[in-house]
Amino acid sequence: MIAKQINKYINDHYCFFGDEIIPPDCPLLTGNYIDSLSVLEIVCHLEHTFNISINDEEITLENFEKINSIISLVESKLNKEHHVYSSDENTSNETTNEYNQLSKACA
């Protein structure tokens, strides 16, 4: 579901060639589909949509060059968030429930 959402967003907002779609392994930046401003727009969208935080150090060519690399970044952030929640012995039931609802919404 995450891959589908990200794929749809990128293609809806940055593919301007009719019915053509941007393949998941196609270079976005060097292929001139997106520029640096587009990367910032994508970061804002991902942070809002998936309730994650992307650090400045993570905004790299490696992480944003292809749709698949963006998907991997988001999945790793979500997995890391899940690990933090599940390994924290002091996590309240309320916080756990909120996380579970988020997980279901993003899946």
PDB file of N, CA and C in Angstrom:
ATOM      1  N   MET A   1       0.822  -1.194   0.000  1.00  0.00           N
ATOM      2  CA  MET A   1       0.000   0.000   0.000  1.00  0.00           C
ATOM      3  C   MET A   1       0.867   1.260   0.000  1.00  0.00           C
ATOM      4  N   ILE A   2       1.961   1.251   0.776  1.00  0.00           N
ATOM      5  CA  ILE A   2       2.853   2.403   0.817  1.00  0.00           C
ATOM      6  C   ILE A   2       3.416   2.665  -0.578  1.00  0.00           C
ATOM      7  N   ALA A   3       3.892   1.615  -1.229  1.00  0.00           N
ATOM      8  CA  ALA A   3       4.471   1.750  -2.567  1.00  0.00           C
ATOM      9  C   ALA A   3       3.450   2.324  -3.542  1.00  0.00           C
ATOM     10  N   LYS A   4       2.232   1.842  -3.456  1.00  0.00           N
ATOM     11  CA  LYS A   4       1.178   2.313  -4.360  1.00  0.00           C
ATOM     12  C   LYS A   4       0.892   3.798  -4.132  1.00  0.00           C
ATOM     13  N   GLN A   5       0.825   4.215  -2.873  1.00  0.00           N
ATOM     14  CA  GLN A   5       0.553   5.617  -2.554  1.00  0.00           C
ATOM     15  C   GLN A   5       1.668   6.527  -3.065  1.00  0.00           C
ATOM     16  N   ILE A   6       2.907   6.122  -2.844  1.00  0.00           N
ATOM     17  CA  ILE A   6       4.041   6.944  -3.272  1.00  0.00           C
ATOM     18  C   ILE A   6       4.120   6.984  -4.800  1.00  0.00           C
ATOM     19  N   ASN A   7       3.961   5.828  -5.425  1.00  0.00           N
ATOM     20  CA  ASN A   7       3.963   5.755  -6.888  1.00  0.00           C
ATOM     21  C   ASN A   7       2.904   6.679  -7.477  1.00  0.00           C
ATOM     22  N   LYS A   8       1.707   6.630  -6.943  1.00  0.00           N
ATOM     23  CA  LYS A   8       0.605   7.456  -7.439  1.00  0.00           C
ATOM     24  C   LYS A   8       0.918   8.939  -7.262  1.00  0.00           C
ATOM     25  N   TYR A   9       1.421   9.316  -6.090  1.00  0.00           N
ATOM     26  CA  TYR A   9       1.726  10.723  -5.841  1.00  0.00           C
ATOM     27  C   TYR A   9       2.775  11.245  -6.831  1.00  0.00           C
ATOM     28  N   ILE A  10       3.858  10.505  -7.000  1.00  0.00           N
ATOM     29  CA  ILE A  10       4.925  10.938  -7.906  1.00  0.00           C
ATOM     30  C   ILE A  10       4.397  11.056  -9.331  1.00  0.00           C
ATOM     31  N   ASN A  11       3.677  10.053  -9.784  1.00  0.00           N
ATOM     32  CA  ASN A  11       3.168  10.084 -11.156  1.00  0.00           C
ATOM     33  C   ASN A  11       2.097  11.151 -11.358  1.00  0.00           C
ATOM     34  N   ASP A  12       1.237  11.358 -10.373  1.00  0.00           N
ATOM     35  CA  ASP A  12       0.202  12.386 -10.497  1.00  0.00           C
ATOM     36  C   ASP A  12       0.784  13.797 -10.523  1.00  0.00           C
ATOM     37  N   HIS A  13       1.887  14.014  -9.820  1.00  0.00           N
ATOM     38  CA  HIS A  13       2.415  15.363  -9.678  1.00  0.00           C
ATOM     39  C   HIS A  13       3.629  15.688 -10.551  1.00  0.00           C
ATOM     40  N   TYR A  14       4.332  14.664 -11.032  1.00  0.00           N
ATOM     41  CA  TYR A  14       5.586  14.949 -11.732  1.00  0.00           C
ATOM     42  C   TYR A  14       5.733  14.271 -13.088  1.00  0.00           C
ATOM     43  N   CYS A  15       4.733  13.569 -13.544  1.00  0.00           N
ATOM     44  CA  CYS A  15       4.777  12.961 -14.875  1.00  0.00           C
ATOM     45  C   CYS A  15       3.863  13.764 -15.793  1.00  0.00           C
ATOM     46  N   PHE A  16       4.485  14.411 -16.776  1.00  0.00           N
ATOM     47  CA  PHE A  16       3.725  15.310 -17.651  1.00  0.00           C
ATOM     48  C   PHE A  16       3.727  14.817 -19.097  1.00  0.00           C
ATOM     49  N   PHE A  17       3.731  13.502 -19.270  1.00  0.00           N
ATOM     50  CA  PHE A  17       3.810  12.932 -20.603  1.00  0.00           C
ATOM     51  C   PHE A  17       2.576  12.093 -20.938  1.00  0.00           C
ATOM     52  N   GLY A  18       1.408  12.660 -20.776  1.00  0.00           N
ATOM     53  CA  GLY A  18       0.177  11.968 -21.116  1.00  0.00           C
ATOM     54  C   GLY A  18      -0.091  10.775 -20.236  1.00  0.00           C
ATOM     55  N   ASP A  19      -0.310   9.628 -20.855  1.00  0.00           N
ATOM     56  CA  ASP A  19      -0.634   8.405 -20.125  1.00  0.00           C
ATOM     57  C   ASP A  19       0.599   7.649 -19.644  1.00  0.00           C
ATOM     58  N   GLU A  20       1.780   8.145 -19.986  1.00  0.00           N
ATOM     59  CA  GLU A  20       3.018   7.485 -19.559  1.00  0.00           C
ATOM     60  C   GLU A  20       3.159   7.555 -18.037  1.00  0.00           C
ATOM     61  N   ILE A  21       3.753   6.522 -17.467  1.00  0.00           N
ATOM     62  CA  ILE A  21       4.036   6.547 -16.025  1.00  0.00           C
ATOM     63  C   ILE A  21       5.544   6.476 -15.827  1.00  0.00           C
ATOM     64  N   ILE A  22       5.979   6.994 -14.692  1.00  0.00           N
ATOM     65  CA  ILE A  22       7.399   6.934 -14.357  1.00  0.00           C
ATOM     66  C   ILE A  22       7.663   5.573 -13.717  1.00  0.00           C
ATOM     67  N   PRO A  23       8.506   4.748 -14.329  1.00  0.00           N
ATOM     68  CA  PRO A  23       8.817   3.437 -13.736  1.00  0.00           C
ATOM     69  C   PRO A  23       9.506   3.600 -12.378  1.00  0.00           C
ATOM     70  N   PRO A  24       9.290   2.670 -11.455  1.00  0.00           N
ATOM     71  CA  PRO A  24       9.849   2.778 -10.106  1.00  0.00           C
ATOM     72  C   PRO A  24      11.373   2.841 -10.052  1.00  0.00           C
ATOM     73  N   ASP A  25      12.065   2.334 -11.081  1.00  0.00           N
ATOM     74  CA  ASP A  25      13.526   2.360 -11.097  1.00  0.00           C
ATOM     75  C   ASP A  25      14.093   3.428 -12.030  1.00  0.00           C
ATOM     76  N   CYS A  26      13.249   4.300 -12.502  1.00  0.00           N
ATOM     77  CA  CYS A  26      13.678   5.367 -13.400  1.00  0.00           C
ATOM     78  C   CYS A  26      14.301   6.512 -12.592  1.00  0.00           C
ATOM     79  N   PRO A  27      15.436   7.046 -13.037  1.00  0.00           N
ATOM     80  CA  PRO A  27      16.036   8.185 -12.334  1.00  0.00           C
ATOM     81  C   PRO A  27      15.114   9.408 -12.380  1.00  0.00           C
ATOM     82  N   LEU A  28      14.778   9.925 -11.220  1.00  0.00           N
ATOM     83  CA  LEU A  28      13.880  11.076 -11.143  1.00  0.00           C
ATOM     84  C   LEU A  28      14.612  12.397 -11.325  1.00  0.00           C
ATOM     85  N   LEU A  29      15.693  12.585 -10.583  1.00  0.00           N
ATOM     86  CA  LEU A  29      16.438  13.843 -10.654  1.00  0.00           C
ATOM     87  C   LEU A  29      17.258  13.929 -11.940  1.00  0.00           C
ATOM     88  N   THR A  30      18.078  12.927 -12.191  1.00  0.00           N
ATOM     89  CA  THR A  30      18.905  12.965 -13.394  1.00  0.00           C
ATOM     90  C   THR A  30      18.084  12.717 -14.653  1.00  0.00           C
ATOM     91  N   GLY A  31      16.883  12.177 -14.497  1.00  0.00           N
ATOM     92  CA  GLY A  31      15.972  12.004 -15.626  1.00  0.00           C
ATOM     93  C   GLY A  31      15.098  13.221 -15.862  1.00  0.00           C
ATOM     94  N   ASN A  32      15.307  14.261 -15.081  1.00  0.00           N
ATOM     95  CA  ASN A  32      14.603  15.541 -15.196  1.00  0.00           C
ATOM     96  C   ASN A  32      13.094  15.460 -14.958  1.00  0.00           C
ATOM     97  N   TYR A  33      12.670  14.491 -14.174  1.00  0.00           N
ATOM     98  CA  TYR A  33      11.271  14.448 -13.760  1.00  0.00           C
ATOM     99  C   TYR A  33      11.036  15.392 -12.591  1.00  0.00           C
ATOM    100  N   ILE A  34      12.025  15.479 -11.692  1.00  0.00           N
ATOM    101  CA  ILE A  34      11.905  16.354 -10.532  1.00  0.00           C
ATOM    102  C   ILE A  34      13.184  17.177 -10.381  1.00  0.00           C
ATOM    103  N   ASP A  35      13.053  18.282  -9.629  1.00  0.00           N
ATOM    104  CA  ASP A  35      14.215  19.111  -9.303  1.00  0.00           C
ATOM    105  C   ASP A  35      14.292  19.246  -7.784  1.00  0.00           C
ATOM    106  N   SER A  36      15.182  20.089  -7.309  1.00  0.00           N
ATOM    107  CA  SER A  36      15.380  20.213  -5.864  1.00  0.00           C
ATOM    108  C   SER A  36      14.132  20.715  -5.149  1.00  0.00           C
ATOM    109  N   LEU A  37      13.379  21.594  -5.764  1.00  0.00           N
ATOM    110  CA  LEU A  37      12.138  22.067  -5.152  1.00  0.00           C
ATOM    111  C   LEU A  37      11.116  20.927  -5.065  1.00  0.00           C
ATOM    112  N   SER A  38      11.082  20.108  -6.088  1.00  0.00           N
ATOM    113  CA  SER A  38      10.187  18.945  -6.090  1.00  0.00           C
ATOM    114  C   SER A  38      10.535  17.991  -4.958  1.00  0.00           C
ATOM    115  N   VAL A  39      11.822  17.826  -4.699  1.00  0.00           N
ATOM    116  CA  VAL A  39      12.249  16.945  -3.603  1.00  0.00           C
ATOM    117  C   VAL A  39      11.677  17.460  -2.285  1.00  0.00           C
ATOM    118  N   LEU A  40      11.745  18.762  -2.069  1.00  0.00           N
ATOM    119  CA  LEU A  40      11.198  19.344  -0.837  1.00  0.00           C
ATOM    120  C   LEU A  40       9.682  19.152  -0.756  1.00  0.00           C
ATOM    121  N   GLU A  41       9.000  19.288  -1.881  1.00  0.00           N
ATOM    122  CA  GLU A  41       7.555  19.036  -1.911  1.00  0.00           C
ATOM    123  C   GLU A  41       7.258  17.578  -1.559  1.00  0.00           C
ATOM    124  N   ILE A  42       8.044  16.670  -2.105  1.00  0.00           N
ATOM    125  CA  ILE A  42       7.865  15.239  -1.840  1.00  0.00           C
ATOM    126  C   ILE A  42       8.122  14.953  -0.361  1.00  0.00           C
ATOM    127  N   VAL A  43       9.173  15.540   0.193  1.00  0.00           N
ATOM    128  CA  VAL A  43       9.482  15.350   1.619  1.00  0.00           C
ATOM    129  C   VAL A  43       8.294  15.805   2.468  1.00  0.00           C
ATOM    130  N   CYS A  44       7.765  16.980   2.187  1.00  0.00           N
ATOM    131  CA  CYS A  44       6.609  17.483   2.951  1.00  0.00           C
ATOM    132  C   CYS A  44       5.415  16.543   2.826  1.00  0.00           C
ATOM    133  N   HIS A  45       5.172  16.060   1.625  1.00  0.00           N
ATOM    134  CA  HIS A  45       4.064  15.126   1.409  1.00  0.00           C
ATOM    135  C   HIS A  45       4.271  13.839   2.203  1.00  0.00           C
ATOM    136  N   LEU A  46       5.471  13.281   2.155  1.00  0.00           N
ATOM    137  CA  LEU A  46       5.753  12.030   2.867  1.00  0.00           C
ATOM    138  C   LEU A  46       5.618  12.215   4.371  1.00  0.00           C
ATOM    139  N   GLU A  47       6.148  13.315   4.887  1.00  0.00           N
ATOM    140  CA  GLU A  47       6.064  13.562   6.327  1.00  0.00           C
ATOM    141  C   GLU A  47       4.613  13.691   6.771  1.00  0.00           C
ATOM    142  N   HIS A  48       3.819  14.388   5.988  1.00  0.00           N
ATOM    143  CA  HIS A  48       2.408  14.582   6.337  1.00  0.00           C
ATOM    144  C   HIS A  48       1.604  13.291   6.168  1.00  0.00           C
ATOM    145  N   THR A  49       1.789  12.620   5.057  1.00  0.00           N
ATOM    146  CA  THR A  49       1.006  11.426   4.732  1.00  0.00           C
ATOM    147  C   THR A  49       1.302  10.257   5.663  1.00  0.00           C
ATOM    148  N   PHE A  50       2.583  10.048   5.970  1.00  0.00           N
ATOM    149  CA  PHE A  50       2.984   8.868   6.737  1.00  0.00           C
ATOM    150  C   PHE A  50       3.364   9.193   8.184  1.00  0.00           C
ATOM    151  N   ASN A  51       3.203  10.457   8.561  1.00  0.00           N
ATOM    152  CA  ASN A  51       3.503  10.893   9.926  1.00  0.00           C
ATOM    153  C   ASN A  51       4.921  10.488  10.351  1.00  0.00           C
ATOM    154  N   ILE A  52       5.868  10.822   9.467  1.00  0.00           N
ATOM    155  CA  ILE A  52       7.276  10.540   9.727  1.00  0.00           C
ATOM    156  C   ILE A  52       8.050  11.849   9.681  1.00  0.00           C
ATOM    157  N   SER A  53       9.276  11.803  10.132  1.00  0.00           N
ATOM    158  CA  SER A  53      10.163  12.952  10.056  1.00  0.00           C
ATOM    159  C   SER A  53      11.383  12.558   9.230  1.00  0.00           C
ATOM    160  N   ILE A  54      11.661  13.335   8.195  1.00  0.00           N
ATOM    161  CA  ILE A  54      12.824  13.081   7.343  1.00  0.00           C
ATOM    162  C   ILE A  54      13.848  14.166   7.644  1.00  0.00           C
ATOM    163  N   ASN A  55      14.998  13.752   8.147  1.00  0.00           N
ATOM    164  CA  ASN A  55      16.067  14.684   8.515  1.00  0.00           C
ATOM    165  C   ASN A  55      16.764  15.230   7.282  1.00  0.00           C
ATOM    166  N   ASP A  56      17.365  16.394   7.417  1.00  0.00           N
ATOM    167  CA  ASP A  56      18.099  17.001   6.309  1.00  0.00           C
ATOM    168  C   ASP A  56      19.156  16.050   5.752  1.00  0.00           C
ATOM    169  N   GLU A  57      19.821  15.298   6.637  1.00  0.00           N
ATOM    170  CA  GLU A  57      20.867  14.370   6.207  1.00  0.00           C
ATOM    171  C   GLU A  57      20.327  13.238   5.338  1.00  0.00           C
ATOM    172  N   GLU A  58      19.020  12.997   5.421  1.00  0.00           N
ATOM    173  CA  GLU A  58      18.405  11.913   4.645  1.00  0.00           C
ATOM    174  C   GLU A  58      17.930  12.382   3.268  1.00  0.00           C
ATOM    175  N   ILE A  59      17.978  13.674   3.040  1.00  0.00           N
ATOM    176  CA  ILE A  59      17.564  14.218   1.745  1.00  0.00           C
ATOM    177  C   ILE A  59      18.779  14.173   0.825  1.00  0.00           C
ATOM    178  N   THR A  60      18.969  13.008   0.239  1.00  0.00           N
ATOM    179  CA  THR A  60      20.137  12.751  -0.604  1.00  0.00           C
ATOM    180  C   THR A  60      19.695  12.231  -1.966  1.00  0.00           C
ATOM    181  N   LEU A  61      20.617  12.284  -2.911  1.00  0.00           N
ATOM    182  CA  LEU A  61      20.356  11.723  -4.232  1.00  0.00           C
ATOM    183  C   LEU A  61      20.027  10.241  -4.117  1.00  0.00           C
ATOM    184  N   GLU A  62      20.751   9.547  -3.259  1.00  0.00           N
ATOM    185  CA  GLU A  62      20.513   8.107  -3.077  1.00  0.00           C
ATOM    186  C   GLU A  62      19.077   7.824  -2.640  1.00  0.00           C
ATOM    187  N   ASN A  63      18.524   8.634  -1.735  1.00  0.00           N
ATOM    188  CA  ASN A  63      17.179   8.398  -1.212  1.00  0.00           C
ATOM    189  C   ASN A  63      16.057   8.911  -2.113  1.00  0.00           C
ATOM    190  N   PHE A  64      16.373   9.852  -3.016  1.00  0.00           N
ATOM    191  CA  PHE A  64      15.317  10.459  -3.821  1.00  0.00           C
ATOM    192  C   PHE A  64      15.531  10.336  -5.326  1.00  0.00           C
ATOM    193  N   GLU A  65      16.476   9.518  -5.750  1.00  0.00           N
ATOM    194  CA  GLU A  65      16.740   9.386  -7.174  1.00  0.00           C
ATOM    195  C   GLU A  65      15.687   8.540  -7.895  1.00  0.00           C
ATOM    196  N   LYS A  66      15.104   7.584  -7.200  1.00  0.00           N
ATOM    197  CA  LYS A  66      14.107   6.710  -7.829  1.00  0.00           C
ATOM    198  C   LYS A  66      12.899   6.547  -6.910  1.00  0.00           C
ATOM    199  N   ILE A  67      11.766   6.221  -7.485  1.00  0.00           N
ATOM    200  CA  ILE A  67      10.565   5.972  -6.683  1.00  0.00           C
ATOM    201  C   ILE A  67      10.846   4.845  -5.696  1.00  0.00           C
ATOM    202  N   ASN A  68      11.531   3.795  -6.142  1.00  0.00           N
ATOM    203  CA  ASN A  68      11.836   2.671  -5.248  1.00  0.00           C
ATOM    204  C   ASN A  68      12.697   3.100  -4.059  1.00  0.00           C
ATOM    205  N   SER A  69      13.619   4.021  -4.274  1.00  0.00           N
ATOM    206  CA  SER A  69      14.461   4.470  -3.162  1.00  0.00           C
ATOM    207  C   SER A  69      13.652   5.312  -2.174  1.00  0.00           C
ATOM    208  N   ILE A  70      12.685   6.066  -2.660  1.00  0.00           N
ATOM    209  CA  ILE A  70      11.797   6.836  -1.780  1.00  0.00           C
ATOM    210  C   ILE A  70      10.941   5.874  -0.957  1.00  0.00           C
ATOM    211  N   ILE A  71      10.424   4.849  -1.604  1.00  0.00           N
ATOM    212  CA  ILE A  71       9.621   3.832  -0.910  1.00  0.00           C
ATOM    213  C   ILE A  71      10.458   3.170   0.178  1.00  0.00           C
ATOM    214  N   SER A  72      11.690   2.812  -0.137  1.00  0.00           N
ATOM    215  CA  SER A  72      12.574   2.180   0.858  1.00  0.00           C
ATOM    216  C   SER A  72      12.817   3.092   2.047  1.00  0.00           C
ATOM    217  N   LEU A  73      13.025   4.380   1.777  1.00  0.00           N
ATOM    218  CA  LEU A  73      13.238   5.339   2.858  1.00  0.00           C
ATOM    219  C   LEU A  73      12.028   5.394   3.787  1.00  0.00           C
ATOM    220  N   VAL A  74      10.850   5.515   3.208  1.00  0.00           N
ATOM    221  CA  VAL A  74       9.620   5.602   4.015  1.00  0.00           C
ATOM    222  C   VAL A  74       9.409   4.313   4.802  1.00  0.00           C
ATOM    223  N   GLU A  75       9.576   3.176   4.157  1.00  0.00           N
ATOM    224  CA  GLU A  75       9.397   1.903   4.856  1.00  0.00           C
ATOM    225  C   GLU A  75      10.391   1.757   6.011  1.00  0.00           C
ATOM    226  N   SER A  76      11.632   2.176   5.804  1.00  0.00           N
ATOM    227  CA  SER A  76      12.615   2.078   6.887  1.00  0.00           C
ATOM    228  C   SER A  76      12.256   3.016   8.033  1.00  0.00           C
ATOM    229  N   LYS A  77      11.736   4.201   7.708  1.00  0.00           N
ATOM    230  CA  LYS A  77      11.321   5.140   8.756  1.00  0.00           C
ATOM    231  C   LYS A  77      10.144   4.559   9.540  1.00  0.00           C
ATOM    232  N   LEU A  78       9.185   3.980   8.855  1.00  0.00           N
ATOM    233  CA  LEU A  78       8.027   3.396   9.528  1.00  0.00           C
ATOM    234  C   LEU A  78       8.430   2.190  10.366  1.00  0.00           C
ATOM    235  N   ASN A  79       9.348   1.365   9.856  1.00  0.00           N
ATOM    236  CA  ASN A  79       9.823   0.214  10.628  1.00  0.00           C
ATOM    237  C   ASN A  79      10.588   0.660  11.857  1.00  0.00           C
ATOM    238  N   LYS A  80      11.383   1.713  11.725  1.00  0.00           N
ATOM    239  CA  LYS A  80      12.131   2.241  12.858  1.00  0.00           C
ATOM    240  C   LYS A  80      11.167   2.775  13.917  1.00  0.00           C
ATOM    241  N   GLU A  81      10.126   3.500  13.485  1.00  0.00           N
ATOM    242  CA  GLU A  81       9.119   4.009  14.411  1.00  0.00           C
ATOM    243  C   GLU A  81       8.435   2.853  15.133  1.00  0.00           C
ATOM    244  N   HIS A  82       8.116   1.787  14.397  1.00  0.00           N
ATOM    245  CA  HIS A  82       7.463   0.622  14.998  1.00  0.00           C
ATOM    246  C   HIS A  82       8.375  -0.009  16.035  1.00  0.00           C
ATOM    247  N   HIS A  83       9.664  -0.114  15.715  1.00  0.00           N
ATOM    248  CA  HIS A  83      10.618  -0.722  16.655  1.00  0.00           C
ATOM    249  C   HIS A  83      10.726   0.119  17.928  1.00  0.00           C
ATOM    250  N   VAL A  84      10.751   1.429  17.786  1.00  0.00           N
ATOM    251  CA  VAL A  84      10.836   2.308  18.954  1.00  0.00           C
ATOM    252  C   VAL A  84       9.621   2.100  19.838  1.00  0.00           C
ATOM    253  N   TYR A  85       8.435   2.071  19.223  1.00  0.00           N
ATOM    254  CA  TYR A  85       7.220   1.882  20.011  1.00  0.00           C
ATOM    255  C   TYR A  85       7.181   0.507  20.674  1.00  0.00           C
ATOM    256  N   SER A  86       7.545  -0.528  19.929  1.00  0.00           N
ATOM    257  CA  SER A  86       7.391  -1.873  20.478  1.00  0.00           C
ATOM    258  C   SER A  86       8.475  -2.208  21.500  1.00  0.00           C
ATOM    259  N   SER A  87       9.619  -1.516  21.464  1.00  0.00           N
ATOM    260  CA  SER A  87      10.680  -1.842  22.414  1.00  0.00           C
ATOM    261  C   SER A  87      10.670  -0.945  23.647  1.00  0.00           C
ATOM    262  N   ASP A  88       9.865   0.086  23.672  1.00  0.00           N
ATOM    263  CA  ASP A  88       9.813   1.010  24.803  1.00  0.00           C
ATOM    264  C   ASP A  88       8.866   0.469  25.866  1.00  0.00           C
ATOM    265  N   GLU A  89       9.418   0.053  27.001  1.00  0.00           N
ATOM    266  CA  GLU A  89       8.599  -0.547  28.058  1.00  0.00           C
ATOM    267  C   GLU A  89       7.657   0.464  28.702  1.00  0.00           C
ATOM    268  N   ASN A  90       7.941   1.749  28.564  1.00  0.00           N
ATOM    269  CA  ASN A  90       7.118   2.767  29.200  1.00  0.00           C
ATOM    270  C   ASN A  90       6.045   3.336  28.273  1.00  0.00           C
ATOM    271  N   THR A  91       5.898   2.754  27.106  1.00  0.00           N
ATOM    272  CA  THR A  91       4.908   3.252  26.167  1.00  0.00           C
ATOM    273  C   THR A  91       3.514   3.004  26.724  1.00  0.00           C
ATOM    274  N   SER A  92       2.713   4.036  26.743  1.00  0.00           N
ATOM    275  CA  SER A  92       1.357   3.886  27.264  1.00  0.00           C
ATOM    276  C   SER A  92       0.479   3.177  26.244  1.00  0.00           C
ATOM    277  N   ASN A  93      -0.605   2.602  26.715  1.00  0.00           N
ATOM    278  CA  ASN A  93      -1.555   1.945  25.815  1.00  0.00           C
ATOM    279  C   ASN A  93      -2.124   2.939  24.816  1.00  0.00           C
ATOM    280  N   GLU A  94      -2.325   4.167  25.254  1.00  0.00           N
ATOM    281  CA  GLU A  94      -2.881   5.184  24.359  1.00  0.00           C
ATOM    282  C   GLU A  94      -1.949   5.433  23.177  1.00  0.00           C
ATOM    283  N   THR A  95      -0.652   5.579  23.431  1.00  0.00           N
ATOM    284  CA  THR A  95       0.313   5.808  22.368  1.00  0.00           C
ATOM    285  C   THR A  95       0.387   4.601  21.448  1.00  0.00           C
ATOM    286  N   THR A  96       0.372   3.418  22.012  1.00  0.00           N
ATOM    287  CA  THR A  96       0.399   2.201  21.208  1.00  0.00           C
ATOM    288  C   THR A  96      -0.830   2.130  20.319  1.00  0.00           C
ATOM    289  N   ASN A  97      -1.981   2.455  20.840  1.00  0.00           N
ATOM    290  CA  ASN A  97      -3.209   2.441  20.045  1.00  0.00           C
ATOM    291  C   ASN A  97      -3.144   3.458  18.911  1.00  0.00           C
ATOM    292  N   GLU A  98      -2.608   4.646  19.187  1.00  0.00           N
ATOM    293  CA  GLU A  98      -2.465   5.652  18.141  1.00  0.00           C
ATOM    294  C   GLU A  98      -1.545   5.145  17.035  1.00  0.00           C
ATOM    295  N   TYR A  99      -0.440   4.506  17.424  1.00  0.00           N
ATOM    296  CA  TYR A  99       0.482   3.977  16.434  1.00  0.00           C
ATOM    297  C   TYR A  99      -0.191   2.889  15.594  1.00  0.00           C
ATOM    298  N   ASN A 100      -0.926   1.997  16.241  1.00  0.00           N
ATOM    299  CA  ASN A 100      -1.609   0.929  15.519  1.00  0.00           C
ATOM    300  C   ASN A 100      -2.606   1.491  14.512  1.00  0.00           C
ATOM    301  N   GLN A 101      -3.317   2.543  14.879  1.00  0.00           N
ATOM    302  CA  GLN A 101      -4.253   3.172  13.952  1.00  0.00           C
ATOM    303  C   GLN A 101      -3.494   3.767  12.772  1.00  0.00           C
ATOM    304  N   LEU A 102      -2.365   4.405  13.037  1.00  0.00           N
ATOM    305  CA  LEU A 102      -1.548   4.965  11.961  1.00  0.00           C
ATOM    306  C   LEU A 102      -1.050   3.866  11.046  1.00  0.00           C
ATOM    307  N   SER A 103      -0.566   2.788  11.619  1.00  0.00           N
ATOM    308  CA  SER A 103      -0.066   1.670  10.818  1.00  0.00           C
ATOM    309  C   SER A 103      -1.124   1.124   9.889  1.00  0.00           C
ATOM    310  N   LYS A 104      -2.345   0.988  10.396  1.00  0.00           N
ATOM    311  CA  LYS A 104      -3.445   0.476   9.579  1.00  0.00           C
ATOM    312  C   LYS A 104      -3.781   1.464   8.467  1.00  0.00           C
ATOM    313  N   ALA A 105      -3.719   2.755   8.751  1.00  0.00           N
ATOM    314  CA  ALA A 105      -4.062   3.766   7.772  1.00  0.00           C
ATOM    315  C   ALA A 105      -3.032   3.807   6.648  1.00  0.00           C
ATOM    316  N   CYS A 106      -1.768   3.541   6.970  1.00  0.00           N
ATOM    317  CA  CYS A 106      -0.701   3.611   5.977  1.00  0.00           C
ATOM    318  C   CYS A 106      -0.509   2.293   5.231  1.00  0.00           C
ATOM    319  N   ALA A 107      -1.043   1.223   5.763  1.00  0.00           N
ATOM    320  CA  ALA A 107      -0.849  -0.084   5.111  1.00  0.00           C
ATOM    321  C   ALA A 107      -1.714  -0.259   3.904  1.00  0.00           C
TER     322      ALA A 107
END
